[in-house]
Amino acid sequence: MKKRTHLLFSVFSVLILSSFFSCRQEDEEVVAPIVVEDTDQTLQNILITGWVYEVMREYYYWNDYVMPPNSYEQDPEDYFYSQLNEADLFSFMTNDYQGLMEEFSGVYTSMGYSPFFGRLSSTDEIFIAVEYVYPNSPAQRAGLQRGDIILAIDGQRLTEENYYDLYTQDQYTATLANYGEDSGFIVTDETLSLAAEVIVADPVLHKEVISTADKTVGYLVYAEFISGDNQAWLTSLDIALDEFAQAGVTDVVIDLRYNPGGEIEVAQYLASALAPTSAVSGEEVLVRYDYNEQLASSIIFYEGESSENVVSTFINTGHQLNLNQIYFLTSGSTASASELLISGLDPYMDVIVVGEPTLGKFYGSWVIPDLVEPARHNWAAMPIVLKYTNAVGASDFAEGLTPDYAMEDDLLYARPFGDPADPLLGTALSLISSEQSARTLIDRGHKPYTDLENPVKSQKSKLLLPNSQISTEGKTEFNF
């Protein structure tokens, strides 16, 4: 990605910055001013590394362990990651702040499908399985569907060394394959030409009212907790909830298998629409937040203990379903705001989870760009700034939330959304209908593949806090 930089530092400014950071913390040694060669890249590294240090000392959840850089000339990204606590698997920074915010808005450049990267067990066979496809995207127009398997791109078989580089190209030809338990992958003659473009990624992927023998079930597949420009995606969510209400649904299944998280305000909104009216009208606690000591003191001093940055409560959305029980479908990709939704509702209603253990992320972040105007650089940091607990203090589920009914989400046998033959959805429907549980449904045992790294999903596995208006003496007001 291209860096947009504003090299506004003079040598005098560098010396001032050096003095500021060397003297800022009483418990740190005073270091001599930095003497560096006066080059644009060196000055830029000094600027950004100093900015990273300030951000981490002020806002990082484990800020007591943040040390000043050995040299402000060092690579800012290397310095940032060197300061992360060993328990922190989620903080990150990017040199494309504008691109990051476009991702969070749901309008960005993409081919429009969500990939799962896997390696077939006991082989070197790498594949991409399609988790879902956004409507009206290049992928959908090309004919790509949920459950399709890509085994080669531009004629190159996927390997652990090339799969992500090939996938992230702006355009390519994908070669599809079929899978059989006995035959393994068999390459087909089918190829699809794909080219990225600006797409509108409505997180309401699928909504449907399903009638069983004795129940009416609302089924919602939700991809990401984002509100969109001008709250567009909250409106989309409202439409789905209203359709459920008008159909008189007795039960609701929320499919979060591929939902990596997003904005806390959207999780709060959906939780409030699902929760019992008593919890909403009483403005009961959904979750509480814990920060580093200095930041917690500042927030409480300037905003009070009832601030939305201290506690998130149920709110009246005008679209309440007033449920006493709720079903969630989960996988190892279910993370962050998704987990907050499940955990936050648990003290108030019967929460039934079907699927795989979730990721296990009970931390939240702020997006922190350069706050000087005009911005001196295009970097943004997303450090972990808090840990959340639900109303009864539950947190620290590092191994993920444990499902009530364990069932693997095997993408080699993926069914269309809403198909009762999907083992996870079928399980929930059978439980709702008081039929036999999913344990009697087809269960192929352990998935015949292992997960590979998905940087796209890792970056999106975030819990973003609402806009913060923290003002402290001598500091700029922050509005993330």
Protein backbone atom coordinates (compact mmCIF):
# COMPACT_ATOMS: atom_id res chain seq x y z
CA MET A 1 0.00 0.00 0.00
CA LYS A 2 1.17 3.50 -0.76
CA LYS A 3 2.17 5.65 2.20
CA ARG A 4 0.85 9.22 2.25
CA THR A 5 3.40 11.22 4.21
CA HIS A 6 3.76 14.84 5.24
CA LEU A 7 7.39 15.54 6.13
CA LEU A 8 6.91 18.58 8.34
CA PHE A 9 9.70 17.91 10.82
CA SER A 10 12.68 20.18 11.03
CA VAL A 11 15.84 19.16 12.88
CA PHE A 12 14.67 21.45 15.69
CA SER A 13 11.37 19.54 15.86
CA VAL A 14 13.26 16.24 16.06
CA LEU A 15 15.23 17.49 19.07
CA ILE A 16 12.04 18.66 20.78
CA LEU A 17 10.43 15.27 20.15
CA SER A 18 13.48 13.48 21.53
CA SER A 19 13.42 15.56 24.67
CA PHE A 20 9.67 15.06 25.13
CA PHE A 21 9.77 11.29 24.91
CA SER A 22 12.94 10.89 26.97
CA CYS A 23 11.55 12.90 29.90
CA ARG A 24 7.86 12.07 29.68
CA GLN A 25 7.70 9.17 32.11
CA GLU A 26 9.11 9.67 35.58
CA ASP A 27 10.13 6.05 35.87
CA GLU A 28 12.18 6.06 32.66
CA GLU A 29 15.79 7.04 32.23
CA VAL A 30 16.55 10.36 30.58
CA VAL A 31 18.31 9.69 27.29
CA ALA A 32 20.48 12.01 25.25
CA PRO A 33 18.93 13.86 22.28
CA ILE A 34 18.91 11.84 19.09
CA VAL A 35 21.42 12.88 16.46
CA VAL A 36 20.52 11.52 13.04
CA GLU A 37 21.29 12.07 9.42
CA ASP A 38 18.83 14.62 8.06
CA THR A 39 17.00 12.55 5.43
CA ASP A 40 13.29 12.44 4.65
CA GLN A 41 12.94 8.74 5.53
CA THR A 42 14.86 9.10 8.77
CA LEU A 43 12.79 12.08 9.85
CA GLN A 44 9.60 10.25 8.94
CA ASN A 45 10.63 7.19 10.97
CA ILE A 46 11.40 9.42 13.95
CA LEU A 47 8.01 11.11 13.65
CA ILE A 48 5.99 7.89 13.37
CA THR A 49 7.97 5.92 15.96
CA GLY A 50 7.56 8.76 18.43
CA TRP A 51 3.84 8.85 17.68
CA VAL A 52 3.59 5.07 18.23
CA TYR A 53 5.36 5.38 21.58
CA GLU A 54 2.99 8.10 22.76
CA VAL A 55 -0.09 6.16 21.66
CA MET A 56 1.06 2.97 23.38
CA ARG A 57 2.03 4.68 26.63
CA GLU A 58 -1.31 6.48 26.85
CA TYR A 59 -3.84 3.93 25.61
CA TYR A 60 -2.41 0.39 25.47
CA TYR A 61 -4.05 -1.96 27.98
CA TRP A 62 -0.63 -3.21 29.11
CA ASN A 63 1.00 0.24 28.95
CA ASP A 64 3.21 -0.33 32.01
CA TYR A 65 5.34 -2.66 29.89
CA VAL A 66 5.84 -0.29 26.96
CA MET A 67 9.46 0.82 26.64
CA PRO A 68 10.83 3.74 24.61
CA PRO A 69 12.44 2.76 21.32
CA ASN A 70 16.15 2.01 21.28
CA SER A 71 16.37 4.40 18.35
CA TYR A 72 13.64 6.58 16.88
CA GLU A 73 15.15 5.77 13.49
CA GLN A 74 13.96 2.18 13.70
CA ASP A 75 11.08 0.93 11.61
CA PRO A 76 7.85 2.12 13.34
CA GLU A 77 5.98 -1.08 12.59
CA ASP A 78 8.77 -3.24 14.01
CA TYR A 79 8.78 -1.09 17.15
CA PHE A 80 4.98 -1.32 17.55
CA TYR A 81 4.89 -5.11 17.39
CA SER A 82 7.92 -5.43 19.67
CA GLN A 83 5.93 -3.74 22.46
CA LEU A 84 2.91 -6.05 22.43
CA ASN A 85 2.17 -8.13 25.49
CA GLU A 86 2.54 -11.88 24.99
CA ALA A 87 -1.22 -12.26 25.60
CA ASP A 88 -1.97 -9.77 22.81
CA LEU A 89 -2.71 -11.49 19.51
CA PHE A 90 -4.88 -8.71 18.13
CA SER A 91 -3.28 -5.23 18.13
CA PHE A 92 -2.09 -4.04 14.74
CA MET A 93 -1.16 -0.95 12.75
CA THR A 94 -1.51 0.00 9.11
CA ASN A 95 -0.08 2.63 6.78
CA ASP A 96 -3.46 3.02 5.02
CA TYR A 97 -5.80 4.76 7.47
CA GLN A 98 -8.26 5.79 4.75
CA GLY A 99 -8.41 2.24 3.41
CA LEU A 100 -9.01 0.90 6.91
CA MET A 101 -11.94 3.24 7.46
CA GLU A 102 -13.41 2.28 4.09
CA GLU A 103 -13.33 -1.36 5.22
CA PHE A 104 -15.20 -0.45 8.39
CA SER A 105 -17.80 1.50 6.40
CA GLY A 106 -18.69 -1.56 4.30
CA VAL A 107 -17.87 0.18 1.02
CA TYR A 108 -14.48 -0.84 -0.29
CA THR A 109 -12.60 -2.44 -3.19
CA SER A 110 -12.99 -6.21 -3.27
CA MET A 111 -14.04 -9.15 -5.42
CA GLY A 112 -16.84 -9.68 -2.93
CA TYR A 113 -16.29 -13.12 -1.45
CA SER A 114 -15.05 -14.31 1.93
CA PRO A 115 -12.24 -16.86 1.66
CA PHE A 116 -11.28 -19.70 3.97
CA PHE A 117 -7.69 -20.88 3.46
CA GLY A 118 -6.97 -24.51 4.27
CA ARG A 119 -4.50 -27.34 3.77
CA LEU A 120 -5.80 -30.85 3.21
CA SER A 121 -4.54 -33.06 6.02
CA SER A 122 -1.45 -35.20 5.34
CA THR A 123 -0.90 -33.47 1.99
CA ASP A 124 0.51 -30.24 0.56
CA GLU A 125 -2.82 -29.44 -1.12
CA ILE A 126 -3.80 -25.83 -0.38
CA PHE A 127 -7.30 -24.64 -1.20
CA ILE A 128 -9.65 -21.68 -0.82
CA ALA A 129 -13.22 -22.46 0.23
CA VAL A 130 -15.83 -19.76 -0.29
CA GLU A 131 -17.62 -18.94 2.98
CA TYR A 132 -20.06 -16.53 1.37
CA VAL A 133 -20.47 -14.16 -1.58
CA TYR A 134 -21.85 -10.61 -1.36
CA PRO A 135 -24.85 -9.94 -3.62
CA ASN A 136 -24.16 -7.80 -6.71
CA SER A 137 -20.40 -8.28 -6.33
CA PRO A 138 -17.92 -9.28 -9.05
CA ALA A 139 -17.73 -12.74 -7.45
CA GLN A 140 -21.48 -13.26 -7.66
CA ARG A 141 -21.66 -12.01 -11.25
CA ALA A 142 -18.86 -14.41 -12.17
CA GLY A 143 -20.88 -17.29 -10.71
CA LEU A 144 -18.94 -17.96 -7.50
CA GLN A 145 -21.04 -19.51 -4.74
CA ARG A 146 -20.77 -20.45 -1.09
CA GLY A 147 -18.96 -23.78 -0.83
CA ASP A 148 -17.02 -23.44 -4.09
CA ILE A 149 -13.41 -24.63 -3.87
CA ILE A 150 -10.55 -22.80 -5.60
CA LEU A 151 -7.44 -24.90 -6.15
CA ALA A 152 -5.47 -22.72 -8.58
CA ILE A 153 -5.21 -19.04 -9.49
CA ASP A 154 -3.93 -17.90 -12.90
CA GLY A 155 -3.03 -21.51 -13.57
CA GLN A 156 -0.81 -21.83 -10.50
CA ARG A 157 -1.67 -24.46 -7.91
CA LEU A 158 -1.95 -22.90 -4.48
CA THR A 159 0.91 -23.50 -2.04
CA GLU A 160 1.65 -22.27 1.48
CA GLU A 161 4.16 -19.85 -0.08
CA ASN A 162 1.90 -18.30 -2.73
CA TYR A 163 -1.75 -18.66 -1.73
CA TYR A 164 -2.19 -15.26 -0.11
CA ASP A 165 -0.20 -13.31 -2.71
CA LEU A 166 -2.25 -14.89 -5.48
CA TYR A 167 -5.53 -14.26 -3.67
CA THR A 168 -4.81 -10.56 -3.04
CA GLN A 169 -4.26 -9.66 -6.71
CA ASP A 170 -6.67 -7.12 -8.19
CA GLN A 171 -7.74 -9.57 -10.87
CA TYR A 172 -7.20 -13.23 -11.64
CA THR A 173 -8.70 -16.41 -13.04
CA ALA A 174 -9.74 -19.00 -10.43
CA THR A 175 -9.79 -22.72 -11.19
CA LEU A 176 -12.48 -24.63 -9.31
CA ALA A 177 -12.29 -28.15 -7.92
CA ASN A 178 -14.58 -30.80 -6.45
CA TYR A 179 -13.85 -32.76 -3.29
CA GLY A 180 -14.68 -36.35 -2.41
CA GLU A 181 -13.85 -38.26 0.74
CA ASP A 182 -12.21 -41.02 -1.28
CA SER A 183 -10.90 -39.08 -4.26
CA GLY A 184 -9.71 -35.89 -2.57
CA PHE A 185 -9.61 -32.79 -4.80
CA ILE A 186 -10.37 -33.16 -8.48
CA VAL A 187 -9.71 -30.09 -10.64
CA THR A 188 -12.62 -29.26 -12.93
CA ASP A 189 -12.64 -27.52 -16.28
CA GLU A 190 -14.50 -24.58 -14.73
CA THR A 191 -12.62 -21.29 -14.41
CA LEU A 192 -13.95 -17.92 -13.30
CA SER A 193 -12.47 -14.53 -14.14
CA LEU A 194 -12.60 -12.11 -11.21
CA ALA A 195 -11.69 -8.43 -10.92
CA ALA A 196 -11.92 -6.28 -7.80
CA GLU A 197 -14.14 -3.21 -7.75
CA VAL A 198 -15.84 -1.00 -5.20
CA ILE A 199 -18.59 -3.08 -3.60
CA VAL A 200 -21.35 -2.38 -1.10
CA ALA A 201 -20.98 -5.03 1.59
CA ASP A 202 -24.26 -5.14 3.50
CA PRO A 203 -23.51 -7.31 6.56
CA VAL A 204 -27.04 -8.76 6.46
CA LEU A 205 -26.03 -11.59 4.14
CA HIS A 206 -29.21 -13.63 4.41
CA LYS A 207 -32.54 -13.33 6.21
CA GLU A 208 -35.31 -15.87 6.08
CA VAL A 209 -38.40 -17.01 7.96
CA ILE A 210 -38.37 -20.81 8.28
CA SER A 211 -41.49 -22.73 9.27
CA THR A 212 -41.08 -25.98 11.16
CA ALA A 213 -43.83 -28.36 12.28
CA ASP A 214 -44.75 -26.18 15.25
CA LYS A 215 -42.55 -23.06 15.21
CA THR A 216 -41.80 -20.01 13.08
CA VAL A 217 -38.07 -19.29 13.06
CA GLY A 218 -36.23 -16.16 12.01
CA TYR A 219 -32.80 -16.99 10.52
CA LEU A 220 -30.24 -14.18 10.10
CA VAL A 221 -26.73 -14.53 8.67
CA TYR A 222 -24.72 -11.54 9.90
CA ALA A 223 -21.25 -10.94 8.49
CA GLU A 224 -19.87 -8.00 10.47
CA PHE A 225 -20.88 -5.47 13.12
CA ILE A 226 -20.70 -2.27 11.09
CA SER A 227 -23.14 0.63 10.98
CA GLY A 228 -22.14 1.93 7.53
CA ASP A 229 -22.28 5.45 6.16
CA ASN A 230 -25.28 7.33 7.57
CA GLN A 231 -26.25 4.22 9.58
CA ALA A 232 -27.17 2.40 6.36
CA TRP A 233 -26.43 -1.05 7.75
CA LEU A 234 -28.46 -0.44 10.91
CA THR A 235 -31.39 0.31 8.62
CA SER A 236 -30.74 -2.97 6.83
CA LEU A 237 -30.69 -4.75 10.17
CA ASP A 238 -33.94 -3.03 11.18
CA ILE A 239 -35.63 -4.31 8.03
CA ALA A 240 -34.64 -7.90 8.85
CA LEU A 241 -35.82 -7.59 12.46
CA ASP A 242 -39.13 -6.03 11.38
CA GLU A 243 -39.72 -8.85 8.90
CA PHE A 244 -39.23 -11.35 11.72
CA ALA A 245 -41.63 -9.44 13.97
CA GLN A 246 -44.29 -9.19 11.26
CA ALA A 247 -43.99 -12.93 10.58
CA GLY A 248 -44.58 -13.64 14.28
CA VAL A 249 -41.37 -15.60 14.77
CA THR A 250 -41.27 -17.68 17.92
CA ASP A 251 -37.51 -18.27 17.82
CA VAL A 252 -34.46 -16.68 16.20
CA VAL A 253 -31.19 -18.18 14.95
CA ILE A 254 -28.30 -15.76 14.43
CA ASP A 255 -25.53 -17.19 12.23
CA LEU A 256 -22.19 -15.67 13.30
CA ARG A 257 -19.90 -18.36 11.88
CA TYR A 258 -17.94 -15.93 9.71
CA ASN A 259 -18.41 -12.74 11.74
CA PRO A 260 -15.04 -11.44 13.05
CA GLY A 261 -16.48 -8.51 15.05
CA GLY A 262 -16.76 -4.78 14.52
CA GLU A 263 -18.35 -1.85 16.31
CA ILE A 264 -19.51 -2.14 19.92
CA GLU A 265 -22.45 0.17 19.22
CA VAL A 266 -23.80 -2.22 16.61
CA ALA A 267 -23.43 -5.21 18.94
CA GLN A 268 -25.26 -3.16 21.58
CA TYR A 269 -27.98 -2.34 19.05
CA LEU A 270 -28.55 -5.96 18.01
CA ALA A 271 -28.40 -7.22 21.60
CA SER A 272 -31.06 -4.70 22.58
CA ALA A 273 -33.33 -5.80 19.73
CA LEU A 274 -33.09 -9.45 20.80
CA ALA A 275 -33.17 -9.14 24.60
CA PRO A 276 -36.23 -9.36 26.87
CA THR A 277 -38.11 -6.10 27.21
CA SER A 278 -37.38 -6.07 30.95
CA ALA A 279 -33.62 -5.82 30.30
CA VAL A 280 -34.11 -3.04 27.75
CA SER A 281 -36.58 -0.96 29.73
CA GLY A 282 -34.43 -1.31 32.83
CA GLU A 283 -31.32 -0.24 30.87
CA GLU A 284 -29.49 -3.22 32.33
CA VAL A 285 -25.74 -3.69 31.87
CA LEU A 286 -24.64 -5.42 28.67
CA VAL A 287 -20.88 -5.19 29.34
CA ARG A 288 -18.38 -3.22 31.43
CA TYR A 289 -14.91 -2.08 30.33
CA ASP A 290 -11.57 -2.20 32.12
CA TYR A 291 -8.63 0.01 30.94
CA ASN A 292 -5.09 0.71 32.05
CA GLU A 293 -5.03 2.61 35.32
CA GLN A 294 -4.23 6.06 33.92
CA LEU A 295 -6.77 5.87 31.09
CA ALA A 296 -9.50 4.54 33.40
CA SER A 297 -8.93 7.47 35.78
CA SER A 298 -9.07 9.99 32.92
CA ILE A 299 -12.28 8.57 31.47
CA ILE A 300 -14.06 8.47 34.83
CA PHE A 301 -12.82 11.96 35.77
CA TYR A 302 -13.89 13.63 32.52
CA GLU A 303 -16.89 11.49 31.54
CA GLY A 304 -18.19 9.89 34.74
CA GLU A 305 -18.77 6.29 35.73
CA SER A 306 -21.87 5.97 33.55
CA SER A 307 -20.00 6.93 30.36
CA GLU A 308 -20.49 4.70 27.31
CA ASN A 309 -16.72 4.19 27.52
CA VAL A 310 -17.18 2.63 30.97
CA VAL A 311 -20.39 0.62 30.63
CA SER A 312 -22.62 -0.40 27.74
CA THR A 313 -26.31 -0.88 28.55
CA PHE A 314 -29.33 -2.11 26.66
CA ILE A 315 -31.08 0.62 24.67
CA ASN A 316 -34.49 1.05 23.06
CA THR A 317 -33.95 0.57 19.31
CA GLY A 318 -37.63 0.62 18.41
CA HIS A 319 -37.27 -2.86 16.89
CA GLN A 320 -37.50 -5.16 19.90
CA LEU A 321 -38.27 -8.87 19.41
CA ASN A 322 -38.49 -9.48 23.19
CA LEU A 323 -37.06 -13.01 23.15
CA ASN A 324 -36.49 -15.28 26.13
CA GLN A 325 -34.13 -17.57 24.27
CA ILE A 326 -31.80 -17.21 21.29
CA TYR A 327 -29.73 -19.59 19.16
CA PHE A 328 -26.27 -18.72 17.79
CA LEU A 329 -24.24 -20.61 15.17
CA THR A 330 -20.48 -20.25 15.71
CA SER A 331 -17.08 -21.28 14.41
CA GLY A 332 -13.45 -20.51 15.20
CA SER A 333 -13.89 -17.31 13.17
CA THR A 334 -16.64 -16.00 15.46
CA ALA A 335 -14.85 -13.25 17.35
CA SER A 336 -14.85 -10.03 19.30
CA ALA A 337 -18.17 -8.18 18.97
CA SER A 338 -19.83 -11.50 18.09
CA GLU A 339 -18.56 -12.98 21.35
CA LEU A 340 -19.62 -9.85 23.22
CA LEU A 341 -23.16 -10.25 21.86
CA ILE A 342 -23.35 -13.86 23.03
CA SER A 343 -21.71 -13.24 26.40
CA GLY A 344 -23.62 -10.02 27.04
CA LEU A 345 -27.02 -11.63 26.46
CA ASP A 346 -26.27 -14.74 28.51
CA PRO A 347 -27.25 -13.33 31.96
CA TYR A 348 -30.69 -12.26 30.68
CA MET A 349 -31.97 -15.10 28.49
CA ASP A 350 -31.45 -18.71 27.50
CA VAL A 351 -28.55 -18.55 25.05
CA ILE A 352 -27.96 -21.77 23.06
CA VAL A 353 -24.75 -22.00 21.00
CA VAL A 354 -24.39 -24.56 18.21
CA GLY A 355 -21.11 -25.12 16.37
CA GLU A 356 -17.43 -24.72 17.22
CA PRO A 357 -15.69 -22.84 20.05
CA THR A 358 -15.33 -19.16 19.20
CA LEU A 359 -12.00 -17.35 18.75
CA GLY A 360 -11.69 -16.09 22.35
CA LYS A 361 -11.28 -12.31 22.11
CA PHE A 362 -12.59 -10.30 25.04
CA TYR A 363 -10.60 -7.16 24.28
CA GLY A 364 -11.46 -3.93 22.48
CA SER A 365 -9.59 -1.35 20.43
CA TRP A 366 -9.72 2.23 19.27
CA VAL A 367 -8.64 3.31 15.80
CA ILE A 368 -5.99 5.97 16.46
CA PRO A 369 -4.70 7.99 13.48
CA ASP A 370 -2.41 11.01 13.56
CA LEU A 371 -4.47 13.72 15.25
CA VAL A 372 -2.43 16.69 14.07
CA GLU A 373 -4.14 18.72 11.35
CA PRO A 374 -3.19 18.41 8.62
CA ALA A 375 -2.20 14.80 9.28
CA ARG A 376 1.55 14.23 9.06
CA HIS A 377 1.20 10.60 8.03
CA ASN A 378 -1.40 8.03 6.96
CA TRP A 379 -0.65 5.45 9.65
CA ALA A 380 -3.24 4.27 12.16
CA ALA A 381 -2.78 2.10 15.23
CA MET A 382 -5.39 -0.24 16.69
CA PRO A 383 -3.94 -1.24 20.04
CA ILE A 384 -5.91 -3.21 22.59
CA VAL A 385 -7.18 -0.59 25.03
CA LEU A 386 -9.62 -2.55 27.17
CA LYS A 387 -10.99 -5.86 28.41
CA TYR A 388 -14.74 -6.36 28.75
CA THR A 389 -16.85 -8.38 31.18
CA ASN A 390 -20.55 -9.12 31.06
CA ALA A 391 -23.06 -8.16 33.75
CA VAL A 392 -22.02 -11.05 36.02
CA GLY A 393 -18.29 -10.50 35.49
CA ALA A 394 -17.66 -13.27 32.95
CA SER A 395 -14.57 -12.75 30.77
CA ASP A 396 -11.16 -14.32 30.07
CA PHE A 397 -12.52 -17.02 27.75
CA ALA A 398 -9.17 -17.38 26.00
CA GLU A 399 -10.15 -20.77 24.58
CA GLY A 400 -13.33 -19.30 23.16
CA LEU A 401 -16.97 -19.63 24.18
CA THR A 402 -17.87 -23.30 24.42
CA PRO A 403 -20.86 -24.40 22.33
CA ASP A 404 -23.77 -26.17 23.98
CA TYR A 405 -23.98 -28.47 20.97
CA ALA A 406 -20.59 -29.14 19.36
CA MET A 407 -20.68 -29.43 15.59
CA GLU A 408 -17.91 -28.74 13.07
CA ASP A 409 -18.52 -26.30 10.25
CA ASP A 410 -17.01 -28.28 7.37
CA LEU A 411 -16.71 -25.96 4.39
CA LEU A 412 -15.93 -28.84 2.03
CA TYR A 413 -19.58 -29.76 2.44
CA ALA A 414 -21.04 -26.26 2.81
CA ARG A 415 -24.74 -25.91 2.17
CA PRO A 416 -26.53 -22.73 1.01
CA PHE A 417 -27.63 -20.41 3.80
CA GLY A 418 -31.07 -21.44 5.05
CA ASP A 419 -30.77 -25.08 3.93
CA PRO A 420 -31.90 -27.33 6.83
CA ALA A 421 -29.34 -29.89 5.61
CA ASP A 422 -26.63 -27.56 6.96
CA PRO A 423 -25.66 -29.51 10.11
CA LEU A 424 -25.41 -26.41 12.32
CA LEU A 425 -28.67 -24.83 11.19
CA GLY A 426 -30.34 -28.24 11.15
CA THR A 427 -29.26 -28.74 14.75
CA ALA A 428 -30.78 -25.46 15.86
CA LEU A 429 -34.02 -26.15 14.00
CA SER A 430 -34.31 -29.63 15.52
CA LEU A 431 -33.79 -28.22 19.00
CA ILE A 432 -36.37 -25.52 18.40
CA SER A 433 -38.87 -28.09 17.15
CA SER A 434 -38.23 -30.35 20.15
CA GLU A 435 -37.05 -33.04 17.79
CA GLN A 436 -33.89 -35.07 18.25
CA SER A 437 -30.76 -32.96 18.71
CA ALA A 438 -28.06 -32.42 16.11
CA ARG A 439 -26.02 -35.26 17.54
CA THR A 440 -28.25 -37.60 15.54
CA LEU A 441 -27.74 -35.66 12.32
CA ILE A 442 -25.01 -36.46 9.82
CA ASP A 443 -21.65 -35.78 11.45
CA ARG A 444 -18.62 -36.55 9.32
CA GLY A 445 -16.27 -36.34 12.27
CA HIS A 446 -13.17 -34.19 12.23
CA LYS A 447 -12.64 -31.88 9.28
CA PRO A 448 -10.04 -33.30 6.89
CA TYR A 449 -8.04 -30.07 6.74
CA THR A 450 -6.21 -27.52 8.85
CA ASP A 451 -6.71 -23.77 8.85
CA LEU A 452 -4.13 -21.45 7.31
CA GLU A 453 -3.58 -17.83 8.24
CA ASN A 454 -6.18 -15.40 6.97
CA PRO A 455 -4.75 -11.88 7.43
CA VAL A 456 -7.98 -10.33 6.15
CA LYS A 457 -10.04 -11.94 8.90
CA SER A 458 -7.35 -11.39 11.53
CA GLN A 459 -7.39 -7.66 10.81
CA LYS A 460 -11.17 -7.57 11.07
CA SER A 461 -11.28 -9.50 14.37
CA LYS A 462 -11.80 -6.28 16.30
CA LEU A 463 -14.12 -4.77 18.84
CA LEU A 464 -14.27 -1.07 18.00
CA LEU A 465 -15.42 1.29 20.71
CA PRO A 466 -17.78 4.19 20.07
CA ASN A 467 -16.40 7.64 19.36
CA SER A 468 -14.49 8.74 22.41
CA GLN A 469 -14.49 12.34 23.59
CA ILE A 470 -11.69 12.06 26.12
CA SER A 471 -10.25 15.44 26.97
CA THR A 472 -7.53 15.74 29.56
CA GLU A 473 -5.34 18.64 30.54
CA GLY A 474 -2.78 19.39 27.86
CA LYS A 475 -4.18 16.85 25.43
CA THR A 476 -6.12 17.12 22.21
CA GLU A 477 -9.72 15.95 22.21
CA PHE A 478 -9.98 12.55 20.59
CA ASN A 479 -12.77 11.54 18.23
CA PHE A 480 -12.08 8.13 16.74
